[in-house]
Protein backbone atom coordinates (compact mmCIF):
# COMPACT_ATOMS: atom_id res chain seq x y z
CA MET A 1 0.00 0.00 0.00
CA LYS A 2 1.33 3.41 -0.98
CA LEU A 3 0.74 6.32 1.37
CA GLY A 4 0.41 10.00 0.60
CA VAL A 5 -0.41 13.32 2.20
CA VAL A 6 -2.19 16.54 1.20
CA VAL A 7 -0.45 19.70 2.40
CA LEU A 8 -2.89 22.60 2.27
CA PRO A 9 -1.41 25.67 0.51
CA VAL A 10 -1.94 27.96 3.49
CA LEU A 11 1.46 28.25 5.15
CA PRO A 12 4.12 30.92 4.66
CA TRP A 13 6.90 29.43 2.55
CA PRO A 14 9.46 28.66 5.31
CA GLU A 15 6.81 26.67 7.22
CA ALA A 16 5.45 25.12 4.04
CA ALA A 17 8.90 23.96 2.97
CA ARG A 18 9.36 22.20 6.32
CA ALA A 19 5.98 20.45 5.99
CA TRP A 20 6.70 19.19 2.49
CA ARG A 21 10.21 18.06 3.35
CA GLU A 22 8.83 16.34 6.46
CA SER A 23 6.49 14.34 4.22
CA GLU A 24 9.43 13.14 2.18
CA ASP A 25 11.60 12.46 5.23
CA LEU A 26 8.88 10.29 6.77
CA GLY A 27 9.09 8.03 3.73
CA LEU A 28 5.65 8.84 2.31
CA ASP A 29 5.19 8.03 -1.36
CA SER A 30 3.34 11.13 -2.51
CA ALA A 31 2.49 14.68 -1.45
CA TRP A 32 -0.33 16.71 -2.96
CA THR A 33 -2.11 20.02 -2.63
CA TYR A 34 -5.61 21.26 -3.42
CA ASP A 35 -5.93 23.53 -6.44
CA HIS A 36 -8.48 26.26 -5.69
CA VAL A 37 -8.80 30.04 -5.53
CA GLN A 38 -10.18 29.76 -1.99
CA TRP A 39 -11.46 26.82 0.01
CA GLY A 40 -13.46 25.79 3.04
CA GLY A 41 -12.40 27.16 6.39
CA TRP A 42 -9.73 29.34 4.77
CA VAL A 43 -12.15 31.85 3.21
CA GLY A 44 -10.69 35.32 3.76
CA LYS A 45 -7.25 33.89 4.58
CA PRO A 46 -4.15 33.40 2.41
CA TRP A 47 -4.43 30.53 -0.08
CA GLN A 48 -1.43 29.94 -2.32
CA GLY A 49 -1.52 29.06 -6.00
CA ALA A 50 -0.99 25.32 -6.44
CA PHE A 51 1.43 25.32 -9.35
CA PRO A 52 3.86 28.03 -8.19
CA LEU A 53 3.89 26.29 -4.81
CA LEU A 54 4.54 22.87 -6.32
CA ALA A 55 7.36 24.29 -8.42
CA ALA A 56 9.03 25.52 -5.23
CA VAL A 57 8.39 22.17 -3.51
CA ALA A 58 9.89 20.32 -6.46
CA ALA A 59 13.09 22.32 -5.98
CA VAL A 60 13.45 21.44 -2.27
CA THR A 61 12.54 17.73 -2.45
CA SER A 62 14.17 14.90 -4.38
CA ARG A 63 12.15 11.68 -4.20
CA ILE A 64 8.49 12.09 -3.29
CA ALA A 65 5.82 12.22 -6.05
CA LEU A 66 4.05 15.59 -6.24
CA GLY A 67 0.66 16.55 -7.58
CA THR A 68 -2.67 18.33 -7.43
CA LEU A 69 -5.57 16.52 -5.81
CA VAL A 70 -7.27 17.85 -7.77
CA SER A 71 -7.11 20.59 -10.38
CA SER A 72 -10.55 21.78 -11.45
CA ILE A 73 -11.63 22.64 -14.96
CA ASN A 74 -13.11 25.84 -13.45
CA LEU A 75 -9.80 27.61 -13.18
CA ARG A 76 -7.78 27.49 -16.43
CA HIS A 77 -7.85 26.78 -20.13
CA PRO A 78 -6.38 23.34 -20.92
CA ILE A 79 -3.35 24.94 -22.61
CA ALA A 80 -2.50 26.90 -19.46
CA LEU A 81 -2.92 23.78 -17.32
CA ALA A 82 -0.74 21.65 -19.60
CA GLN A 83 2.01 24.28 -19.60
CA ALA A 84 1.95 24.49 -15.80
CA VAL A 85 2.05 20.70 -15.55
CA ARG A 86 4.98 20.43 -17.95
CA THR A 87 6.92 23.08 -16.05
CA VAL A 88 6.53 21.49 -12.61
CA ASP A 89 7.21 18.04 -14.06
CA ASP A 90 10.48 19.33 -15.51
CA ILE A 91 11.56 21.01 -12.26
CA SER A 92 10.75 17.85 -10.29
CA GLY A 93 12.61 15.52 -12.61
CA GLY A 94 9.47 13.67 -13.71
CA ARG A 95 7.83 13.33 -10.29
CA PHE A 96 4.60 15.21 -11.10
CA GLU A 97 1.15 13.58 -11.26
CA LEU A 98 -1.89 15.52 -12.41
CA GLY A 99 -5.00 15.07 -10.33
CA ILE A 100 -7.94 16.49 -12.27
CA GLY A 101 -11.68 16.76 -11.64
CA ALA A 102 -14.80 18.39 -13.06
CA GLY A 103 -15.11 20.82 -10.16
CA THR A 104 -18.37 22.07 -8.74
CA SER A 105 -20.41 25.20 -8.39
CA GLY A 106 -19.23 27.71 -5.79
CA PHE A 107 -16.50 30.29 -5.63
CA ASP A 108 -14.06 28.65 -8.05
CA ALA A 109 -16.86 28.45 -10.60
CA SER A 110 -18.25 31.95 -10.07
CA VAL A 111 -15.07 33.99 -9.58
CA HIS A 112 -14.59 34.40 -13.35
CA GLY A 113 -18.15 35.59 -13.87
CA GLY A 114 -20.52 34.28 -16.52
CA ASP A 115 -23.41 31.86 -16.31
CA GLU A 116 -23.17 28.81 -14.07
CA TRP A 117 -22.72 25.55 -15.93
CA THR A 118 -25.47 22.96 -15.66
CA PRO A 119 -24.39 19.53 -14.38
CA ALA A 120 -24.73 18.14 -17.92
CA GLU A 121 -22.57 20.90 -19.38
CA ARG A 122 -19.97 20.50 -16.65
CA VAL A 123 -19.45 16.80 -17.32
CA ALA A 124 -19.40 17.40 -21.09
CA ARG A 125 -16.76 20.07 -20.57
CA PHE A 126 -14.83 17.72 -18.31
CA ALA A 127 -14.64 15.00 -20.97
CA GLU A 128 -13.47 17.47 -23.61
CA TYR A 129 -11.04 19.20 -21.24
CA VAL A 130 -9.32 15.97 -20.22
CA GLU A 131 -9.08 14.82 -23.84
CA LEU A 132 -7.41 18.09 -24.86
CA VAL A 133 -4.96 18.04 -21.93
CA ASP A 134 -4.10 14.45 -22.88
CA ARG A 135 -3.35 15.53 -26.45
CA LEU A 136 -1.32 18.55 -25.33
CA LEU A 137 0.86 16.39 -23.09
CA THR A 138 1.49 13.75 -25.75
CA ASN A 139 2.24 15.98 -28.76
CA GLU A 140 4.76 18.70 -29.55
CA ARG A 141 2.02 20.66 -31.36
CA THR A 142 -1.73 20.37 -30.94
CA THR A 143 -4.66 21.72 -32.92
CA PHE A 144 -8.08 20.89 -31.50
CA SER A 145 -11.59 22.17 -32.14
CA GLY A 146 -14.20 21.26 -29.57
CA ALA A 147 -17.59 22.39 -28.39
CA TYR A 148 -16.03 24.24 -25.45
CA TYR A 149 -12.23 24.38 -25.90
CA ASP A 150 -9.93 25.02 -28.85
CA ALA A 151 -6.19 24.89 -29.47
CA VAL A 152 -4.42 26.19 -32.57
CA ASP A 153 -0.94 24.80 -33.16
CA ALA A 154 -0.34 24.89 -29.39
CA PRO A 155 3.33 24.14 -28.64
CA MET A 156 4.34 21.88 -25.78
CA HIS A 157 8.05 21.27 -26.32
CA GLY A 158 9.39 18.38 -24.31
CA ALA A 159 5.85 17.24 -23.57
CA ARG A 160 5.49 14.16 -21.39
CA ARG A 161 2.21 12.46 -20.68
CA VAL A 162 2.30 12.63 -16.89
CA PRO A 163 0.05 10.19 -15.00
CA PHE A 164 -3.56 11.37 -14.62
CA THR A 165 -5.34 10.78 -11.31
CA ILE A 166 -8.97 11.47 -12.16
CA ALA A 167 -11.65 12.33 -9.62
CA ALA A 168 -15.03 10.94 -10.64
CA ASP A 169 -18.18 9.89 -8.79
CA LYS A 170 -20.97 9.58 -11.37
CA PRO A 171 -21.21 7.33 -14.46
CA ARG A 172 -20.38 9.92 -17.17
CA ALA A 173 -17.35 11.22 -15.29
CA MET A 174 -16.34 7.63 -14.51
CA ARG A 175 -16.13 6.99 -18.25
CA VAL A 176 -13.61 9.85 -18.50
CA ALA A 177 -11.55 8.17 -15.77
CA ALA A 178 -11.81 4.84 -17.57
CA ARG A 179 -10.61 6.36 -20.87
CA PHE A 180 -7.80 8.60 -19.67
CA GLY A 181 -6.84 7.82 -16.07
CA GLN A 182 -3.84 5.92 -14.88
CA ARG A 183 -5.39 6.38 -11.44
CA TRP A 184 -8.78 7.21 -9.97
CA VAL A 185 -9.39 8.96 -6.65
CA ALA A 186 -12.38 8.58 -4.31
CA ASN A 187 -13.02 10.90 -1.37
CA THR A 188 -14.26 9.33 1.87
CA VAL A 189 -16.08 12.54 2.88
CA TYR A 190 -18.71 11.95 0.20
CA GLY A 191 -19.24 8.31 1.16
CA GLU A 192 -20.40 5.46 -1.08
CA VAL A 193 -16.83 4.36 -1.71
CA GLU A 194 -17.74 0.72 -2.40
CA ALA A 195 -20.52 1.77 -4.79
CA LYS A 196 -18.12 4.11 -6.59
CA CYS A 197 -15.68 1.23 -7.07
CA ARG A 198 -18.46 -0.75 -8.75
CA ARG A 199 -19.30 2.22 -10.99
CA LEU A 200 -15.67 2.46 -12.08
CA ASP A 201 -15.69 -1.24 -12.97
CA GLU A 202 -18.84 -0.68 -15.02
CA ALA A 203 -17.33 2.34 -16.78
CA CYS A 204 -14.25 0.31 -17.68
CA ALA A 205 -16.45 -2.41 -19.14
CA GLU A 206 -18.24 0.21 -21.26
CA VAL A 207 -15.00 1.50 -22.80
CA GLY A 208 -13.35 -1.93 -23.05
CA ARG A 209 -10.68 -1.41 -20.42
CA ASP A 210 -9.47 -3.82 -17.77
CA PRO A 211 -10.27 -2.10 -14.43
CA ALA A 212 -7.14 -3.66 -12.94
CA THR A 213 -5.09 -1.26 -15.10
CA ILE A 214 -6.37 1.76 -13.13
CA ASP A 215 -4.77 2.28 -9.72
CA ARG A 216 -7.24 3.39 -7.05
CA VAL A 217 -6.48 6.15 -4.56
CA LEU A 218 -8.54 6.75 -1.42
CA LEU A 219 -8.51 10.29 -0.05
CA VAL A 220 -9.27 10.23 3.69
CA ASP A 221 -10.05 13.93 3.65
CA GLN A 222 -9.23 14.76 7.27
CA PHE A 223 -6.21 16.16 9.08
CA THR A 224 -4.22 13.37 10.71
CA SER A 225 -4.37 15.42 13.94
CA GLU A 226 -8.14 14.70 13.94
CA LEU A 227 -7.65 10.92 13.66
CA SER A 228 -6.21 8.30 15.97
CA PRO A 229 -3.62 5.90 14.58
CA ARG A 230 -6.04 3.03 15.15
CA ALA A 231 -8.85 4.74 13.21
CA LEU A 232 -6.51 5.49 10.33
CA GLU A 233 -5.19 1.94 10.34
CA ARG A 234 -8.79 0.74 9.92
CA GLU A 235 -9.17 3.06 6.91
CA VAL A 236 -5.99 1.68 5.36
CA LYS A 237 -7.11 -1.93 5.84
CA ALA A 238 -10.58 -1.19 4.44
CA ALA A 239 -9.00 0.50 1.42
CA ALA A 240 -6.83 -2.54 0.75
CA THR A 241 -9.89 -4.79 0.90
CA LEU A 242 -11.61 -2.65 -1.76
CA GLY A 243 -8.59 -2.80 -4.06
CA PHE A 244 -7.11 0.62 -3.42
CA SER A 245 -3.36 0.88 -3.93
CA GLU A 246 -2.82 4.22 -2.15
CA VAL A 247 -4.33 6.09 0.80
CA VAL A 248 -3.89 9.85 1.16
CA VAL A 249 -4.58 11.94 4.28
CA ARG A 250 -4.16 15.62 5.18
CA HIS A 251 -0.97 16.85 6.81
CA PRO A 252 -1.71 18.21 10.31
CA LEU A 253 0.09 21.51 9.57
CA GLY A 254 0.62 22.94 13.07
CA GLY A 255 -1.23 20.11 14.80
CA ASP A 256 -0.13 16.94 16.53
CA ARG A 257 2.25 14.83 14.40
CA ARG A 258 1.83 11.47 16.12
CA THR A 259 -0.86 10.06 13.83
CA LEU A 260 0.99 11.24 10.74
CA GLU A 261 4.13 9.48 11.95
CA ALA A 262 2.15 6.30 12.70
CA PHE A 263 0.50 6.52 9.26
CA ALA A 264 3.90 6.69 7.56
CA ARG A 265 4.79 3.35 9.18
CA MET A 266 1.67 1.60 7.79
CA GLY A 267 2.98 1.24 4.25
């Protein structure tokens, strides 16, 4: 079982650097951050940009995999996302993994203005967005004409198709994960994890893909300082039973480190 951690992008850089390096020093396999404009309990407080932060983290770490968990289609054009991905992947020496999801309504969706997308439009955009990012990261030049996104001779020199970790809950989004994902992530906060695993299997059958070729990541979306080692150990065992290959938790930031340290020993 691989183990990872989400480090929220809320700390001043000297403290943030210590938290990310701690994650690597503990022997964790991956370290991620959320990619938003603002989020949850941090409304009205500093919230760093994911990609500039990850570029800095890439420069002060050497082994641990780095990524977004997840980037939302709300925030950027696919060309801008692909360029940011390629840059951080280069700085990290090929350690970057792109977590990507359809996003939701709320601040990230409304901050740019314009009409709110319907659920049907959002999932249609998601499918097209992921397809275009896939093309951008596998070709030196890309021209694409879609219903929502276009690219005209877009350059991506040194492009590498980084692994995609795709967040999906519902059948149409699951089909996107089945087509393009090397990994799929489920969030425990929203429940129905076992049912979501079945839906992914069904989506793979629809597109003719062996579900065993998609690694499954379980995001236990809580700070480790809020969990006991025993409770987290139960989550890890349950994840293994359901076929997950990685469990990710939130770094405690300034909180108690004991559960995080115990978690790092569960791999």
